[in-house]
Amino acid sequence: LQAKYDMKKGEASATWTSLVKIHYDGVDYDAGMVIGAELKNGKVSTQIGFSAQTFIIYNPVNGEKVPMFSIQNGQTFINDALISKATIESVVVGMEIRSKNYIPGRSGFYWNMQNGQMENIGSDKQGKMKQTNTTISIADNQGRLRVQIGKITGVF
C-alpha cells in the first residue's frame, strides 16, 4: 500500500498493487492489479486496473471454471449478454439479426446476413413483408400475397 498526502494543496492518493513478474530472455513479463483512489483539485477519482495478456472472469458452475467474460489479444469475448442500451459505431455480423419474438412467417424481424433475406412482421398483425436480393413481397393479415416487386414468384 502506498499513500501520499499534501495537506497544503489538499491532495491525497492511495494505491495498492499486486504484481507477479518473470524475466525471460532479457524481457520482463508481468501480470498484476492496482487499486487506487486520488483527491486532486477537490475531486475524487478511483481506479482498478489489470495488466495481463489474458483476463478471464469465471463462473464456477458445478465446480468447473466456465469462462463468462474474457479479454484475449485485444478482443473481448462475452458468452452471453443483456445490454439495456448501446451506442455502436461499427458492427460486423456473421450470421443473422433477429428480434426476440421472431417466429418464421408469423412474427418479428429477421435478417440473414449470408443470403440477404429479410423478414419483417409487424406486431399489429396487419401484414408482413419479406425481402430477398431479388424480390420484395408484402402479404395481408391472412398471409395472402398482395404486392410483389422484382422477381415475381406468386408466393410469399
Protein backbone atom coordinates (compact mmCIF):
# COMPACT_ATOMS: atom_id res chain seq x y z
CA LEU A 1 0.00 0.00 0.00
CA GLN A 2 1.31 3.42 -0.97
CA ALA A 3 -0.22 6.62 0.34
CA LYS A 4 0.71 10.25 -0.33
CA TYR A 5 -0.73 13.33 1.33
CA ASP A 6 -0.15 17.03 0.73
CA MET A 7 -2.36 18.90 3.17
CA LYS A 8 -1.28 22.32 1.85
CA LYS A 9 -2.59 21.52 -1.62
CA GLY A 10 -5.49 19.40 -0.36
CA GLU A 11 -4.29 16.42 -2.39
CA ALA A 12 -4.03 12.75 -1.50
CA SER A 13 -3.61 9.41 -3.20
CA ALA A 14 -3.51 5.78 -2.15
CA THR A 15 -2.69 2.74 -4.26
CA TRP A 16 -2.49 -0.96 -3.60
CA THR A 17 -0.63 -3.13 -6.07
CA SER A 18 -0.31 -6.87 -6.50
CA LEU A 19 2.15 -7.98 -9.17
CA VAL A 20 3.85 -11.15 -10.35
CA LYS A 21 6.73 -10.95 -12.78
CA ILE A 22 9.17 -13.18 -14.61
CA HIS A 23 12.26 -12.14 -16.50
CA TYR A 24 12.94 -14.26 -19.58
CA ASP A 25 15.43 -13.75 -22.38
CA GLY A 26 16.03 -10.13 -21.39
CA VAL A 27 12.33 -9.20 -21.22
CA ASP A 28 10.11 -8.63 -18.16
CA TYR A 29 6.65 -10.23 -18.27
CA ASP A 30 4.15 -9.30 -15.59
CA ALA A 31 0.55 -9.71 -14.53
CA GLY A 32 -0.96 -7.58 -11.85
CA MET A 33 -3.68 -5.50 -10.36
CA VAL A 34 -3.70 -1.96 -8.99
CA ILE A 35 -6.45 -0.30 -6.92
CA GLY A 36 -6.24 3.43 -6.39
CA ALA A 37 -8.01 6.49 -5.09
CA GLU A 38 -6.96 10.09 -5.61
CA LEU A 39 -8.07 13.52 -4.38
CA LYS A 40 -6.93 16.32 -6.65
CA ASN A 41 -8.37 19.81 -7.19
CA GLY A 42 -11.26 18.96 -4.89
CA LYS A 43 -12.32 15.93 -6.97
CA VAL A 44 -12.03 12.27 -6.03
CA SER A 45 -11.36 9.58 -8.62
CA THR A 46 -10.98 5.85 -8.14
CA GLN A 47 -9.48 3.20 -10.40
CA ILE A 48 -8.97 -0.53 -10.65
CA GLY A 49 -6.57 -1.69 -13.33
CA PHE A 50 -5.28 -5.02 -14.55
CA SER A 51 -2.19 -5.89 -16.53
CA ALA A 52 -2.24 -9.25 -18.31
CA GLN A 53 -2.19 -10.76 -21.78
CA THR A 54 -5.40 -12.63 -20.97
CA PHE A 55 -8.07 -11.54 -18.47
CA ILE A 56 -10.87 -14.01 -17.63
CA ILE A 57 -13.83 -13.98 -15.27
CA TYR A 58 -15.04 -17.49 -14.46
CA ASN A 59 -18.40 -18.80 -13.32
CA PRO A 60 -17.70 -21.78 -11.02
CA VAL A 61 -20.78 -23.74 -12.17
CA ASN A 62 -20.76 -27.32 -10.86
CA GLY A 63 -17.23 -26.83 -9.55
CA GLU A 64 -15.89 -26.15 -13.06
CA LYS A 65 -14.29 -22.93 -14.26
CA VAL A 66 -16.65 -21.79 -17.04
CA PRO A 67 -15.44 -18.53 -18.66
CA MET A 68 -18.18 -15.87 -18.68
CA PHE A 69 -16.05 -12.98 -19.93
CA SER A 70 -12.53 -12.74 -21.28
CA ILE A 71 -10.15 -10.38 -23.00
CA GLN A 72 -7.51 -12.02 -25.17
CA ASN A 73 -5.16 -10.36 -27.67
CA GLY A 74 -7.14 -7.11 -27.56
CA GLN A 75 -10.51 -8.77 -28.21
CA THR A 76 -13.35 -9.04 -25.70
CA PHE A 77 -15.41 -12.23 -25.56
CA ILE A 78 -18.73 -12.37 -23.70
CA ASN A 79 -20.54 -15.70 -23.66
CA ASP A 80 -23.98 -14.18 -23.04
CA ALA A 81 -25.01 -10.54 -22.59
CA LEU A 82 -28.06 -8.45 -21.88
CA ILE A 83 -27.42 -4.85 -22.85
CA SER A 84 -30.14 -2.38 -21.96
CA LYS A 85 -28.92 0.40 -24.26
CA ALA A 86 -25.92 0.61 -26.57
CA THR A 87 -24.35 3.06 -28.99
CA ILE A 88 -22.31 1.13 -31.53
CA GLU A 89 -20.24 2.88 -34.17
CA SER A 90 -19.47 -0.16 -36.33
CA VAL A 91 -20.86 -3.71 -36.39
CA VAL A 92 -19.79 -6.82 -38.25
CA VAL A 93 -22.46 -9.51 -38.07
CA GLY A 94 -21.56 -13.02 -39.10
CA MET A 95 -24.85 -14.86 -39.49
CA GLU A 96 -28.14 -13.17 -38.59
CA ILE A 97 -30.04 -10.50 -36.70
CA ARG A 98 -33.42 -11.37 -35.22
CA SER A 99 -35.90 -9.97 -32.74
CA LYS A 100 -36.75 -11.88 -29.57
CA ASN A 101 -40.27 -12.54 -30.83
CA TYR A 102 -39.23 -13.85 -34.26
CA ILE A 103 -41.19 -16.89 -35.42
CA PRO A 104 -40.65 -17.62 -39.15
CA GLY A 105 -43.63 -16.44 -41.18
CA ARG A 106 -45.57 -15.37 -38.06
CA SER A 107 -43.94 -12.57 -36.02
CA GLY A 108 -40.89 -10.41 -35.50
CA PHE A 109 -37.91 -9.32 -37.53
CA TYR A 110 -35.19 -11.48 -39.13
CA TRP A 111 -32.23 -10.63 -41.35
CA ASN A 112 -29.98 -13.39 -42.70
CA MET A 113 -26.56 -11.90 -43.42
CA GLN A 114 -25.41 -14.76 -45.61
CA ASN A 115 -28.22 -14.80 -48.19
CA GLY A 116 -29.52 -11.25 -47.59
CA GLN A 117 -33.10 -12.35 -46.87
CA MET A 118 -35.07 -10.12 -44.52
CA GLU A 119 -38.49 -10.73 -42.96
CA ASN A 120 -40.46 -8.09 -41.06
CA ILE A 121 -43.80 -8.95 -39.50
CA GLY A 122 -45.42 -6.11 -37.57
CA SER A 123 -46.76 -6.60 -34.06
CA ASP A 124 -50.15 -5.19 -35.10
CA LYS A 125 -50.90 -8.38 -37.12
CA GLN A 126 -51.96 -6.32 -40.14
CA GLY A 127 -49.47 -7.82 -42.55
CA LYS A 128 -45.91 -8.87 -43.21
CA MET A 129 -43.05 -8.11 -45.57
CA LYS A 130 -40.20 -10.26 -46.86
CA GLN A 131 -37.23 -9.08 -48.89
CA THR A 132 -34.59 -11.10 -50.72
CA ASN A 133 -31.86 -9.96 -53.10
CA THR A 134 -34.38 -10.21 -56.00
CA THR A 135 -37.88 -9.75 -54.52
CA ILE A 136 -39.90 -7.63 -52.11
CA SER A 137 -43.14 -9.37 -51.06
CA ILE A 138 -45.99 -7.99 -48.94
CA ALA A 139 -48.81 -10.13 -47.53
CA ASP A 140 -52.01 -9.15 -45.73
CA ASN A 141 -53.06 -10.26 -42.24
CA GLN A 142 -54.35 -13.57 -43.67
CA GLY A 143 -50.96 -14.34 -45.23
CA ARG A 144 -52.21 -13.71 -48.80
CA LEU A 145 -49.64 -12.18 -51.15
CA ARG A 146 -50.79 -8.64 -52.07
CA VAL A 147 -47.73 -6.99 -53.62
CA GLN A 148 -44.58 -8.37 -55.16
CA ILE A 149 -41.78 -6.31 -56.70
CA GLY A 150 -38.81 -7.70 -58.57
CA LYS A 151 -38.75 -11.40 -59.45
CA ILE A 152 -42.41 -12.40 -59.48
CA THR A 153 -42.85 -15.78 -57.74
CA GLY A 154 -46.53 -15.52 -56.78
CA VAL A 155 -45.82 -16.74 -53.24
CA PHE A 156 -44.81 -15.00 -50.03
